[in-house]
Amino acid sequence: MNRHPEPLLLIDLDHTLVERDGGADAWTPAFCTTHGLPADAAPTVFALFRADPSPAGFTRIAAHYGLTHTGRALWNAHVAHEAARTHLLPGVPDALATLREAGWTIGVVTNGHTDIQRAKLARTGLLPAVDAVCVSEEAGARKPAPEIFHLAAARLGRTLTPADWMVGNNPATDICGAHATGLRSIWITPAPPPPLPPSHPVPTHTAPDTPAAATLLLATR
């Protein structure tokens, strides 16, 4: 039994709290320019990266193009670039602050690489705005697997109960994960929300953005 009276919120990061400027491959033109590669190398650089998005993957990119940089140095530069093109979505800081002032415990649960996701959190100032962070790479499990939700709760000193919540924009990971873990959920989606497959779990609520989701959560107490 969860003996904590404080309400618990697990919340997604990308497209829920923060947004990225440009698409997934938007970094490749700058990479080519920085390293003296022709502009038409960008698709190949991105394909090599997608095959292994890690320091080892950048080692292969360096070898492919004869770059003298280490894979780790290229990876670190990539992490910094990804953080630099990430910004907070409108109203997020105030929404999180209001929830915490109302007694909510908040944990970020996100799929992705630990270095990149934590760099985004640091750059946008979100680290002090939440109580814990759980990234799939370090957790050894990805949403919608229940294990990552339980690990996030454990980092908060909690066990999950049906009274707890998950908020996120991706129905396949956030809403399915909440359903599999027995959590209530809010799907961040434009109104009216697009239809879900008949077999898909239905979220408890929908909201157009995180501030609206926070208003719904506050009303549940």
Protein backbone atom coordinates (compact mmCIF):
# COMPACT_ATOMS: atom_id res chain seq x y z
CA MET A 1 0.00 0.00 0.00
CA ASN A 2 1.26 3.47 -0.88
CA ARG A 3 1.44 5.39 2.40
CA HIS A 4 2.26 8.70 0.73
CA PRO A 5 -0.69 11.12 0.63
CA GLU A 6 0.99 13.34 -1.96
CA PRO A 7 -0.30 12.86 -5.50
CA LEU A 8 2.20 11.40 -7.99
CA LEU A 9 2.64 12.46 -11.61
CA LEU A 10 4.88 10.79 -14.18
CA ILE A 11 5.30 12.92 -17.29
CA ASP A 12 6.89 12.58 -20.72
CA LEU A 13 9.61 14.96 -21.94
CA ASP A 14 9.67 15.45 -25.73
CA HIS A 15 6.60 17.18 -27.21
CA THR A 16 5.08 17.31 -23.71
CA LEU A 17 7.48 19.54 -21.75
CA VAL A 18 9.94 20.52 -24.49
CA GLU A 19 10.08 20.80 -28.26
CA ARG A 20 12.99 20.49 -30.66
CA ASP A 21 13.71 23.02 -33.40
CA GLY A 22 13.85 21.19 -36.73
CA GLY A 23 13.56 17.53 -37.57
CA ALA A 24 15.65 14.62 -36.34
CA ASP A 25 18.23 15.18 -39.10
CA ALA A 26 18.46 18.98 -38.77
CA TRP A 27 21.93 18.74 -37.22
CA THR A 28 23.54 17.06 -40.23
CA PRO A 29 24.11 20.16 -42.46
CA ALA A 30 26.00 21.90 -39.64
CA PHE A 31 27.97 18.71 -39.01
CA CYS A 32 29.02 18.57 -42.65
CA THR A 33 30.01 22.23 -42.69
CA THR A 34 32.00 21.93 -39.45
CA HIS A 35 33.94 18.92 -40.69
CA GLY A 36 34.49 20.01 -44.28
CA LEU A 37 32.16 17.45 -45.83
CA PRO A 38 30.10 18.16 -48.96
CA ALA A 39 26.51 19.16 -48.33
CA ASP A 40 25.23 16.07 -50.11
CA ALA A 41 26.93 13.91 -47.46
CA ALA A 42 24.22 14.86 -44.93
CA PRO A 43 21.83 11.97 -45.75
CA THR A 44 24.63 9.41 -45.43
CA VAL A 45 25.81 10.94 -42.14
CA PHE A 46 22.29 10.70 -40.80
CA ALA A 47 21.85 7.11 -42.02
CA LEU A 48 25.09 6.09 -40.29
CA PHE A 49 23.95 7.86 -37.14
CA ARG A 50 20.52 6.22 -37.18
CA ALA A 51 22.17 2.81 -37.52
CA ASP A 52 24.04 3.40 -34.24
CA PRO A 53 23.22 6.67 -32.43
CA SER A 54 26.04 6.46 -29.90
CA PRO A 55 29.73 7.36 -29.46
CA ALA A 56 30.55 4.11 -31.27
CA GLY A 57 28.32 5.20 -34.15
CA PHE A 58 30.19 8.48 -34.42
CA THR A 59 33.45 6.52 -34.42
CA ARG A 60 32.18 4.78 -37.56
CA ILE A 61 31.19 8.11 -39.11
CA ALA A 62 34.69 9.46 -38.39
CA ALA A 63 36.27 6.38 -39.98
CA HIS A 64 33.95 6.56 -43.00
CA TYR A 65 34.95 10.16 -43.76
CA GLY A 66 38.52 10.09 -42.45
CA LEU A 67 37.84 12.53 -39.62
CA THR A 68 40.47 12.88 -36.92
CA HIS A 69 37.96 13.47 -34.11
CA THR A 70 37.19 10.69 -31.68
CA GLY A 71 33.71 9.21 -31.59
CA ARG A 72 33.31 10.47 -28.04
CA ALA A 73 34.20 14.04 -29.03
CA LEU A 74 31.72 13.93 -31.92
CA TRP A 75 29.06 12.48 -29.64
CA ASN A 76 29.59 15.18 -27.02
CA ALA A 77 29.24 17.85 -29.71
CA HIS A 78 26.05 16.17 -30.92
CA VAL A 79 24.60 16.11 -27.40
CA ALA A 80 25.33 19.82 -27.02
CA HIS A 81 23.74 20.53 -30.40
CA GLU A 82 20.58 18.60 -29.52
CA ALA A 83 20.27 20.46 -26.21
CA ALA A 84 20.83 23.82 -27.93
CA ARG A 85 17.90 23.29 -30.28
CA THR A 86 15.49 22.31 -27.50
CA HIS A 87 13.13 24.80 -25.89
CA LEU A 88 10.40 24.71 -23.29
CA LEU A 89 6.83 24.54 -24.46
CA PRO A 90 4.70 27.54 -23.42
CA GLY A 91 3.46 27.55 -19.86
CA VAL A 92 5.40 24.47 -18.76
CA PRO A 93 7.46 26.04 -15.92
CA ASP A 94 4.42 27.66 -14.33
CA ALA A 95 2.37 24.46 -14.71
CA LEU A 96 5.02 22.35 -12.98
CA ALA A 97 5.52 24.94 -10.25
CA THR A 98 1.78 25.10 -9.58
CA LEU A 99 1.54 21.32 -9.31
CA ARG A 100 4.45 21.10 -6.90
CA GLU A 101 3.07 23.93 -4.79
CA ALA A 102 -0.15 21.91 -4.59
CA GLY A 103 1.81 18.93 -3.24
CA TRP A 104 2.37 16.87 -6.37
CA THR A 105 5.51 14.75 -6.73
CA ILE A 106 6.70 14.83 -10.35
CA GLY A 107 8.95 12.42 -12.23
CA VAL A 108 9.98 12.68 -15.88
CA VAL A 109 9.83 9.36 -17.77
CA THR A 110 11.36 9.54 -21.24
CA ASN A 111 12.64 7.25 -23.94
CA GLY A 112 16.01 8.18 -25.40
CA HIS A 113 19.71 8.47 -24.71
CA THR A 114 20.65 9.47 -21.20
CA ASP A 115 23.24 12.07 -22.26
CA ILE A 116 20.86 13.80 -24.67
CA GLN A 117 17.73 13.74 -22.52
CA ARG A 118 19.52 14.99 -19.42
CA ALA A 119 21.26 17.71 -21.45
CA LYS A 120 17.82 18.88 -22.66
CA LEU A 121 16.55 18.96 -19.08
CA ALA A 122 19.58 20.90 -17.89
CA ARG A 123 19.50 23.45 -20.70
CA THR A 124 15.79 24.16 -20.33
CA GLY A 125 16.04 24.47 -16.55
CA LEU A 126 13.70 21.56 -15.87
CA LEU A 127 15.95 19.56 -13.55
CA PRO A 128 15.11 21.62 -10.43
CA ALA A 129 11.45 21.74 -11.53
CA VAL A 130 10.92 17.98 -11.10
CA ASP A 131 11.70 15.45 -8.39
CA ALA A 132 13.28 12.65 -10.46
CA VAL A 133 14.17 11.68 -14.02
CA CYS A 134 14.12 8.21 -15.57
CA VAL A 135 15.58 7.76 -19.09
CA SER A 136 15.08 4.52 -20.98
CA GLU A 137 18.77 3.99 -21.76
CA GLU A 138 19.77 4.04 -18.10
CA ALA A 139 16.62 2.19 -17.04
CA GLY A 140 17.16 -0.72 -19.40
CA ALA A 141 13.50 -0.50 -20.46
CA ARG A 142 11.50 1.71 -22.80
CA LYS A 143 7.96 2.98 -22.56
CA PRO A 144 5.42 1.39 -22.75
CA ALA A 145 7.14 -1.34 -20.68
CA PRO A 146 5.85 -1.15 -17.08
CA GLU A 147 9.39 -1.56 -15.74
CA ILE A 148 10.41 2.01 -16.59
CA PHE A 149 7.36 3.45 -14.80
CA HIS A 150 8.03 1.38 -11.70
CA LEU A 151 11.71 2.42 -11.71
CA ALA A 152 10.70 6.08 -11.96
CA ALA A 153 8.40 5.67 -8.96
CA ALA A 154 11.16 3.90 -7.02
CA ARG A 155 13.47 6.86 -7.64
CA LEU A 156 10.81 8.97 -6.00
CA GLY A 157 10.63 6.61 -3.05
CA ARG A 158 7.18 5.49 -4.14
CA THR A 159 5.25 2.49 -5.41
CA LEU A 160 2.65 3.10 -8.09
CA THR A 161 -1.06 2.99 -7.33
CA PRO A 162 -4.19 3.39 -9.49
CA ALA A 163 -4.49 6.92 -8.08
CA ASP A 164 -1.28 8.02 -9.84
CA TRP A 165 -1.04 9.65 -13.25
CA MET A 166 0.93 9.57 -16.50
CA VAL A 167 0.87 12.53 -18.93
CA GLY A 168 2.32 12.39 -22.42
CA ASN A 169 1.76 13.02 -26.11
CA ASN A 170 2.42 9.56 -27.53
CA PRO A 171 -0.50 7.14 -27.22
CA ALA A 172 1.63 4.11 -28.15
CA THR A 173 4.16 4.71 -25.38
CA ASP A 174 2.60 7.02 -22.80
CA ILE A 175 -1.03 5.95 -22.80
CA CYS A 176 -0.39 2.25 -23.45
CA GLY A 177 2.32 2.34 -20.79
CA ALA A 178 -0.02 3.97 -18.29
CA HIS A 179 -2.72 1.42 -19.03
CA ALA A 180 -0.30 -1.52 -18.67
CA THR A 181 0.93 -0.11 -15.35
CA GLY A 182 -2.53 0.66 -13.97
CA LEU A 183 -2.11 4.45 -14.00
CA ARG A 184 -4.60 7.12 -14.91
CA SER A 185 -3.54 9.08 -17.96
CA ILE A 186 -3.82 12.35 -19.83
CA TRP A 187 -3.08 12.35 -23.55
CA ILE A 188 -1.59 15.63 -24.81
CA THR A 189 -3.16 16.04 -28.24
CA PRO A 190 -4.82 18.76 -30.31
CA ALA A 191 -8.59 19.07 -29.98
CA PRO A 192 -10.47 17.23 -31.26
CA PRO A 193 -8.14 14.29 -30.66
CA PRO A 194 -7.51 11.95 -33.59
CA PRO A 195 -9.22 8.56 -33.39
CA LEU A 196 -7.36 5.72 -31.72
CA PRO A 197 -7.54 2.11 -32.96
CA PRO A 198 -10.46 0.19 -31.40
CA SER A 199 -8.06 -2.02 -29.45
CA HIS A 200 -6.11 0.93 -28.03
CA PRO A 201 -6.60 1.87 -24.37
CA VAL A 202 -8.57 5.05 -23.86
CA PRO A 203 -6.89 7.79 -21.82
CA THR A 204 -8.61 9.05 -18.70
CA HIS A 205 -8.53 12.59 -20.14
CA THR A 206 -7.18 14.50 -23.12
CA ALA A 207 -5.67 17.98 -23.02
CA PRO A 208 -4.23 20.28 -25.69
CA ASP A 209 -1.05 21.00 -23.71
CA THR A 210 0.67 20.49 -20.38
CA PRO A 211 -0.77 23.58 -18.66
CA ALA A 212 -4.27 22.32 -19.49
CA ALA A 213 -3.31 18.89 -18.20
CA ALA A 214 -2.10 20.48 -14.95
CA THR A 215 -5.48 22.16 -14.54
CA LEU A 216 -7.19 18.78 -14.93
CA LEU A 217 -4.84 17.20 -12.39
CA LEU A 218 -5.43 19.94 -9.84
CA ALA A 219 -9.16 19.37 -10.20
CA THR A 220 -8.77 15.71 -9.26
CA ARG A 221 -7.58 16.51 -5.76
